[in-house]
Amino acid sequence: MERSSPLDVITRLITAMNARDLETAMTLFEPGASFVMKPGVVVSGTAGIRQALEGFMALKPTLTIEAQQIVQAGDIVQYCARWSLTGVDSTGAAVQLSGRSSSILRRQYNGKWLFLVDNPWGTDIVV
């Protein structure tokens, strides 16, 4: 049985994003997971998440986490963090993004934790 912790998954995602390793990043999401590309825009499933992560990785990012909190209830975890990302867009212009994430991870039958919902814009609500 494979064992991991929610923080292992977060660390692996940060490492994959900074290395622009899309294939590793994709292994950290459940097949039916959802990802918030920007406030009000949610994609679901492998194809949607791949597209969202490709967009972030195109920025040649350096992603850092400033603070984090985990709340666990059995096989479900809510992960909240402040993050920042610096990168470069397709024209060579500097990009700086930041936010407060709220994500849900779920422990799988084999003990491995995966993202069920990843919302980098967790506190930005669009009505």
N, C-alpha and C. Protein backbone atom coordinates (compact mmCIF):
# COMPACT_ATOMS: atom_id res chain seq x y z
N MET A 1 0.84 -1.18 0.00
CA MET A 1 0.00 0.00 0.00
C MET A 1 0.89 1.24 0.00
N GLU A 2 0.61 2.16 -0.89
CA GLU A 2 1.36 3.40 -0.98
C GLU A 2 0.87 4.37 0.09
N ARG A 3 1.80 5.01 0.75
CA ARG A 3 1.45 5.99 1.79
C ARG A 3 2.04 7.33 1.40
N SER A 4 1.27 8.37 1.66
CA SER A 4 1.75 9.73 1.49
C SER A 4 0.98 10.58 2.47
N SER A 5 1.35 11.83 2.55
CA SER A 5 0.59 12.76 3.37
C SER A 5 0.10 13.88 2.46
N PRO A 6 -0.91 14.62 2.89
CA PRO A 6 -1.35 15.75 2.08
C PRO A 6 -0.21 16.73 1.77
N LEU A 7 0.67 16.97 2.74
CA LEU A 7 1.79 17.89 2.50
C LEU A 7 2.76 17.34 1.46
N ASP A 8 2.92 16.02 1.41
CA ASP A 8 3.75 15.41 0.36
C ASP A 8 3.20 15.77 -1.02
N VAL A 9 1.89 15.70 -1.17
CA VAL A 9 1.25 15.99 -2.45
C VAL A 9 1.45 17.47 -2.81
N ILE A 10 1.28 18.35 -1.84
CA ILE A 10 1.48 19.79 -2.07
C ILE A 10 2.91 20.04 -2.51
N THR A 11 3.87 19.48 -1.79
CA THR A 11 5.28 19.66 -2.13
C THR A 11 5.59 19.14 -3.53
N ARG A 12 5.02 17.98 -3.87
CA ARG A 12 5.24 17.42 -5.21
C ARG A 12 4.64 18.31 -6.29
N LEU A 13 3.48 18.91 -6.01
CA LEU A 13 2.87 19.80 -7.00
C LEU A 13 3.72 21.06 -7.19
N ILE A 14 4.20 21.64 -6.12
CA ILE A 14 5.06 22.83 -6.23
C ILE A 14 6.31 22.50 -7.03
N THR A 15 6.94 21.37 -6.71
CA THR A 15 8.15 20.96 -7.42
C THR A 15 7.86 20.74 -8.90
N ALA A 16 6.76 20.08 -9.20
CA ALA A 16 6.39 19.82 -10.60
C ALA A 16 6.10 21.12 -11.34
N MET A 17 5.40 22.05 -10.70
CA MET A 17 5.09 23.33 -11.35
C MET A 17 6.38 24.08 -11.66
N ASN A 18 7.28 24.15 -10.70
CA ASN A 18 8.53 24.89 -10.90
C ASN A 18 9.42 24.23 -11.94
N ALA A 19 9.33 22.91 -12.08
CA ALA A 19 10.12 22.19 -13.09
C ALA A 19 9.38 22.09 -14.42
N ARG A 20 8.15 22.60 -14.47
CA ARG A 20 7.28 22.48 -15.65
C ARG A 20 7.11 21.02 -16.06
N ASP A 21 6.92 20.18 -15.05
CA ASP A 21 6.76 18.75 -15.24
C ASP A 21 5.26 18.42 -15.19
N LEU A 22 4.61 18.58 -16.32
CA LEU A 22 3.17 18.41 -16.41
C LEU A 22 2.74 16.98 -16.07
N GLU A 23 3.49 15.99 -16.52
CA GLU A 23 3.09 14.60 -16.30
C GLU A 23 3.09 14.26 -14.81
N THR A 24 4.09 14.71 -14.07
CA THR A 24 4.10 14.46 -12.62
C THR A 24 2.95 15.19 -11.97
N ALA A 25 2.72 16.44 -12.34
CA ALA A 25 1.63 17.21 -11.76
C ALA A 25 0.29 16.51 -11.98
N MET A 26 0.09 15.95 -13.15
CA MET A 26 -1.19 15.30 -13.46
C MET A 26 -1.43 14.07 -12.59
N THR A 27 -0.38 13.41 -12.12
CA THR A 27 -0.56 12.22 -11.28
C THR A 27 -1.06 12.58 -9.88
N LEU A 28 -1.13 13.85 -9.55
CA LEU A 28 -1.51 14.29 -8.22
C LEU A 28 -3.00 14.62 -8.10
N PHE A 29 -3.75 14.41 -9.19
CA PHE A 29 -5.18 14.74 -9.24
C PHE A 29 -6.00 13.48 -9.49
N GLU A 30 -7.15 13.38 -8.82
CA GLU A 30 -8.10 12.32 -9.14
C GLU A 30 -8.58 12.52 -10.58
N PRO A 31 -8.95 11.45 -11.27
CA PRO A 31 -9.42 11.59 -12.66
C PRO A 31 -10.61 12.55 -12.81
N GLY A 32 -11.48 12.62 -11.86
CA GLY A 32 -12.65 13.50 -11.94
C GLY A 32 -12.51 14.79 -11.17
N ALA A 33 -11.28 15.16 -10.82
CA ALA A 33 -11.03 16.35 -10.01
C ALA A 33 -11.44 17.62 -10.74
N SER A 34 -11.57 18.69 -9.98
CA SER A 34 -11.88 20.02 -10.54
C SER A 34 -10.76 20.99 -10.19
N PHE A 35 -10.54 21.98 -11.06
CA PHE A 35 -9.49 22.98 -10.88
C PHE A 35 -10.07 24.34 -11.27
N VAL A 36 -9.84 25.34 -10.44
CA VAL A 36 -10.32 26.70 -10.73
C VAL A 36 -9.20 27.43 -11.47
N MET A 37 -9.41 27.63 -12.79
CA MET A 37 -8.40 28.30 -13.62
C MET A 37 -8.25 29.76 -13.25
N LYS A 38 -9.37 30.40 -12.99
CA LYS A 38 -9.43 31.77 -12.50
C LYS A 38 -10.79 31.91 -11.84
N PRO A 39 -10.97 32.93 -11.02
CA PRO A 39 -12.26 33.05 -10.33
C PRO A 39 -13.43 32.97 -11.32
N GLY A 40 -14.33 32.04 -11.05
CA GLY A 40 -15.50 31.86 -11.90
C GLY A 40 -15.33 30.88 -13.04
N VAL A 41 -14.11 30.36 -13.25
CA VAL A 41 -13.85 29.42 -14.35
C VAL A 41 -13.30 28.12 -13.77
N VAL A 42 -14.15 27.08 -13.77
CA VAL A 42 -13.79 25.79 -13.21
C VAL A 42 -13.73 24.76 -14.33
N VAL A 43 -12.64 23.99 -14.34
CA VAL A 43 -12.53 22.87 -15.28
C VAL A 43 -12.54 21.58 -14.48
N SER A 44 -13.00 20.51 -15.10
CA SER A 44 -13.06 19.22 -14.43
C SER A 44 -12.49 18.14 -15.32
N GLY A 45 -11.96 17.12 -14.68
CA GLY A 45 -11.43 15.98 -15.41
C GLY A 45 -10.01 16.20 -15.90
N THR A 46 -9.44 15.13 -16.37
CA THR A 46 -8.04 15.12 -16.78
C THR A 46 -7.73 16.15 -17.86
N ALA A 47 -8.55 16.22 -18.90
CA ALA A 47 -8.27 17.14 -20.01
C ALA A 47 -8.33 18.60 -19.55
N GLY A 48 -9.32 18.95 -18.75
CA GLY A 48 -9.45 20.32 -18.26
C GLY A 48 -8.32 20.72 -17.35
N ILE A 49 -7.94 19.83 -16.45
CA ILE A 49 -6.85 20.13 -15.53
C ILE A 49 -5.53 20.22 -16.29
N ARG A 50 -5.32 19.35 -17.25
CA ARG A 50 -4.11 19.42 -18.08
C ARG A 50 -4.02 20.80 -18.75
N GLN A 51 -5.11 21.27 -19.32
CA GLN A 51 -5.12 22.57 -19.99
C GLN A 51 -4.80 23.69 -19.00
N ALA A 52 -5.39 23.63 -17.82
CA ALA A 52 -5.15 24.67 -16.81
C ALA A 52 -3.69 24.69 -16.37
N LEU A 53 -3.14 23.52 -16.08
CA LEU A 53 -1.75 23.46 -15.63
C LEU A 53 -0.78 23.85 -16.74
N GLU A 54 -1.09 23.49 -17.98
CA GLU A 54 -0.25 23.92 -19.11
C GLU A 54 -0.18 25.44 -19.17
N GLY A 55 -1.32 26.10 -18.92
CA GLY A 55 -1.35 27.56 -18.94
C GLY A 55 -0.46 28.16 -17.87
N PHE A 56 -0.51 27.61 -16.67
CA PHE A 56 0.36 28.10 -15.60
C PHE A 56 1.83 27.81 -15.92
N MET A 57 2.10 26.61 -16.43
CA MET A 57 3.48 26.23 -16.72
C MET A 57 4.07 27.01 -17.87
N ALA A 58 3.23 27.49 -18.77
CA ALA A 58 3.72 28.32 -19.89
C ALA A 58 4.36 29.61 -19.39
N LEU A 59 4.04 29.99 -18.17
CA LEU A 59 4.61 31.21 -17.57
C LEU A 59 6.02 31.00 -17.03
N LYS A 60 6.56 29.79 -17.17
CA LYS A 60 7.88 29.46 -16.62
C LYS A 60 7.92 29.87 -15.15
N PRO A 61 7.04 29.28 -14.36
CA PRO A 61 6.80 29.78 -13.01
C PRO A 61 7.85 29.42 -11.97
N THR A 62 7.92 30.30 -10.99
CA THR A 62 8.53 29.98 -9.71
C THR A 62 7.40 30.17 -8.70
N LEU A 63 6.93 29.06 -8.16
CA LEU A 63 5.80 29.05 -7.24
C LEU A 63 6.32 28.86 -5.83
N THR A 64 5.84 29.70 -4.91
CA THR A 64 6.20 29.56 -3.50
C THR A 64 4.94 29.62 -2.65
N ILE A 65 5.00 28.94 -1.52
CA ILE A 65 3.91 28.95 -0.56
C ILE A 65 4.39 29.72 0.66
N GLU A 66 3.57 30.68 1.10
CA GLU A 66 3.97 31.55 2.21
C GLU A 66 3.44 31.07 3.55
N ALA A 67 2.27 30.49 3.59
CA ALA A 67 1.67 30.00 4.83
C ALA A 67 0.67 28.93 4.46
N GLN A 68 0.43 28.04 5.39
CA GLN A 68 -0.49 26.96 5.06
C GLN A 68 -1.19 26.43 6.31
N GLN A 69 -2.37 25.86 6.06
CA GLN A 69 -3.15 25.25 7.12
C GLN A 69 -3.84 24.02 6.55
N ILE A 70 -3.87 22.97 7.35
CA ILE A 70 -4.54 21.74 6.96
C ILE A 70 -5.59 21.41 8.01
N VAL A 71 -6.80 21.11 7.54
CA VAL A 71 -7.87 20.64 8.41
C VAL A 71 -8.30 19.29 7.86
N GLN A 72 -8.21 18.25 8.70
CA GLN A 72 -8.51 16.90 8.25
C GLN A 72 -9.74 16.36 8.95
N ALA A 73 -10.57 15.68 8.18
CA ALA A 73 -11.72 14.94 8.69
C ALA A 73 -11.69 13.57 8.01
N GLY A 74 -11.13 12.59 8.68
CA GLY A 74 -11.04 11.25 8.10
C GLY A 74 -10.17 11.23 6.85
N ASP A 75 -10.76 10.83 5.72
CA ASP A 75 -10.03 10.71 4.46
C ASP A 75 -10.12 11.96 3.59
N ILE A 76 -10.56 13.07 4.17
CA ILE A 76 -10.69 14.34 3.44
C ILE A 76 -9.86 15.40 4.16
N VAL A 77 -9.17 16.22 3.37
CA VAL A 77 -8.37 17.31 3.92
C VAL A 77 -8.70 18.60 3.17
N GLN A 78 -8.87 19.67 3.93
CA GLN A 78 -8.92 21.01 3.33
C GLN A 78 -7.56 21.62 3.55
N TYR A 79 -6.97 22.10 2.46
CA TYR A 79 -5.65 22.71 2.49
C TYR A 79 -5.80 24.17 2.07
N CYS A 80 -5.36 25.08 2.92
CA CYS A 80 -5.42 26.51 2.62
C CYS A 80 -4.00 27.08 2.67
N ALA A 81 -3.71 27.99 1.77
CA ALA A 81 -2.36 28.57 1.74
C ALA A 81 -2.37 29.94 1.07
N ARG A 82 -1.37 30.73 1.38
CA ARG A 82 -1.06 31.93 0.61
C ARG A 82 0.09 31.54 -0.31
N TRP A 83 -0.02 31.92 -1.56
CA TRP A 83 0.99 31.53 -2.55
C TRP A 83 1.36 32.73 -3.41
N SER A 84 2.51 32.64 -4.05
CA SER A 84 2.89 33.63 -5.05
C SER A 84 3.62 32.92 -6.18
N LEU A 85 3.48 33.48 -7.36
CA LEU A 85 4.07 32.92 -8.56
C LEU A 85 4.69 34.06 -9.36
N THR A 86 5.93 33.91 -9.72
CA THR A 86 6.56 34.84 -10.66
C THR A 86 6.90 34.05 -11.91
N GLY A 87 6.84 34.72 -13.04
CA GLY A 87 7.11 34.05 -14.30
C GLY A 87 7.23 35.06 -15.42
N VAL A 88 7.13 34.54 -16.64
CA VAL A 88 7.27 35.37 -17.84
C VAL A 88 6.20 34.92 -18.83
N ASP A 89 5.48 35.88 -19.42
CA ASP A 89 4.46 35.49 -20.39
C ASP A 89 5.07 35.28 -21.77
N SER A 90 4.26 34.97 -22.75
CA SER A 90 4.75 34.62 -24.09
C SER A 90 5.45 35.78 -24.79
N THR A 91 5.23 37.01 -24.34
CA THR A 91 5.90 38.17 -24.94
C THR A 91 7.19 38.53 -24.21
N GLY A 92 7.48 37.80 -23.12
CA GLY A 92 8.67 38.08 -22.33
C GLY A 92 8.43 39.03 -21.17
N ALA A 93 7.19 39.48 -21.00
CA ALA A 93 6.87 40.39 -19.90
C ALA A 93 6.79 39.62 -18.58
N ALA A 94 7.27 40.25 -17.53
CA ALA A 94 7.22 39.65 -16.21
C ALA A 94 5.77 39.50 -15.75
N VAL A 95 5.50 38.39 -15.08
CA VAL A 95 4.17 38.10 -14.53
C VAL A 95 4.34 37.84 -13.04
N GLN A 96 3.47 38.44 -12.27
CA GLN A 96 3.47 38.18 -10.84
C GLN A 96 2.03 37.94 -10.41
N LEU A 97 1.77 36.76 -9.87
CA LEU A 97 0.45 36.38 -9.39
C LEU A 97 0.53 35.98 -7.94
N SER A 98 -0.55 36.13 -7.24
CA SER A 98 -0.61 35.64 -5.86
C SER A 98 -2.06 35.40 -5.50
N GLY A 99 -2.25 34.63 -4.46
CA GLY A 99 -3.61 34.35 -4.03
C GLY A 99 -3.63 33.57 -2.75
N ARG A 100 -4.84 33.24 -2.35
CA ARG A 100 -5.08 32.40 -1.18
C ARG A 100 -5.86 31.20 -1.66
N SER A 101 -5.24 30.05 -1.58
CA SER A 101 -5.87 28.83 -2.11
C SER A 101 -6.72 28.14 -1.06
N SER A 102 -7.67 27.39 -1.55
CA SER A 102 -8.47 26.49 -0.73
C SER A 102 -8.68 25.24 -1.57
N SER A 103 -8.05 24.16 -1.14
CA SER A 103 -8.09 22.93 -1.93
C SER A 103 -8.56 21.77 -1.06
N ILE A 104 -9.12 20.76 -1.72
CA ILE A 104 -9.59 19.56 -1.05
C ILE A 104 -8.80 18.38 -1.60
N LEU A 105 -8.23 17.59 -0.70
CA LEU A 105 -7.54 16.36 -1.08
C LEU A 105 -8.27 15.19 -0.44
N ARG A 106 -8.20 14.02 -1.10
CA ARG A 106 -8.87 12.84 -0.57
C ARG A 106 -7.88 11.67 -0.55
N ARG A 107 -7.88 10.94 0.55
CA ARG A 107 -7.05 9.74 0.65
C ARG A 107 -7.71 8.64 -0.18
N GLN A 108 -6.91 8.00 -1.02
CA GLN A 108 -7.38 6.94 -1.89
C GLN A 108 -7.35 5.60 -1.15
N TYR A 109 -7.94 4.59 -1.74
CA TYR A 109 -8.00 3.26 -1.13
C TYR A 109 -6.61 2.71 -0.82
N ASN A 110 -5.58 3.14 -1.58
CA ASN A 110 -4.21 2.65 -1.40
C ASN A 110 -3.40 3.51 -0.43
N GLY A 111 -4.02 4.51 0.19
CA GLY A 111 -3.34 5.38 1.15
C GLY A 111 -2.76 6.64 0.55
N LYS A 112 -2.76 6.74 -0.75
CA LYS A 112 -2.21 7.90 -1.44
C LYS A 112 -3.22 9.04 -1.40
N TRP A 113 -2.74 10.26 -1.19
CA TRP A 113 -3.59 11.46 -1.21
C TRP A 113 -3.54 12.08 -2.60
N LEU A 114 -4.70 12.53 -3.10
CA LEU A 114 -4.80 13.21 -4.39
C LEU A 114 -5.73 14.41 -4.27
N PHE A 115 -5.51 15.39 -5.15
CA PHE A 115 -6.41 16.54 -5.21
C PHE A 115 -7.77 16.11 -5.74
N LEU A 116 -8.81 16.55 -5.08
CA LEU A 116 -10.17 16.42 -5.57
C LEU A 116 -10.63 17.76 -6.14
N VAL A 117 -10.29 18.84 -5.43
CA VAL A 117 -10.56 20.21 -5.87
C VAL A 117 -9.32 21.04 -5.59
N ASP A 118 -8.82 21.73 -6.61
CA ASP A 118 -7.70 22.65 -6.41
C ASP A 118 -8.17 24.04 -6.84
N ASN A 119 -8.25 24.92 -5.86
CA ASN A 119 -8.73 26.28 -6.12
C ASN A 119 -7.66 27.28 -5.66
N PRO A 120 -6.75 27.67 -6.56
CA PRO A 120 -5.73 28.64 -6.19
C PRO A 120 -6.32 30.01 -5.82
N TRP A 121 -7.54 30.26 -6.22
CA TRP A 121 -8.19 31.55 -6.00
C TRP A 121 -9.26 31.41 -4.91
N GLY A 122 -9.01 30.58 -3.93
CA GLY A 122 -9.97 30.18 -2.93
C GLY A 122 -10.81 31.25 -2.28
N THR A 123 -10.28 32.45 -2.10
CA THR A 123 -11.06 33.51 -1.44
C THR A 123 -11.62 34.52 -2.42
N ASP A 124 -11.37 34.35 -3.70
CA ASP A 124 -11.91 35.28 -4.72
C ASP A 124 -13.23 34.72 -5.23
N ILE A 125 -14.32 35.30 -4.78
CA ILE A 125 -15.64 34.80 -5.13
C ILE A 125 -16.23 35.66 -6.23
N VAL A 126 -16.70 35.01 -7.29
CA VAL A 126 -17.38 35.70 -8.39
C VAL A 126 -18.86 35.40 -8.29
N VAL A 127 -19.66 36.44 -8.27
CA VAL A 127 -21.11 36.25 -8.15
C VAL A 127 -21.77 36.53 -9.48
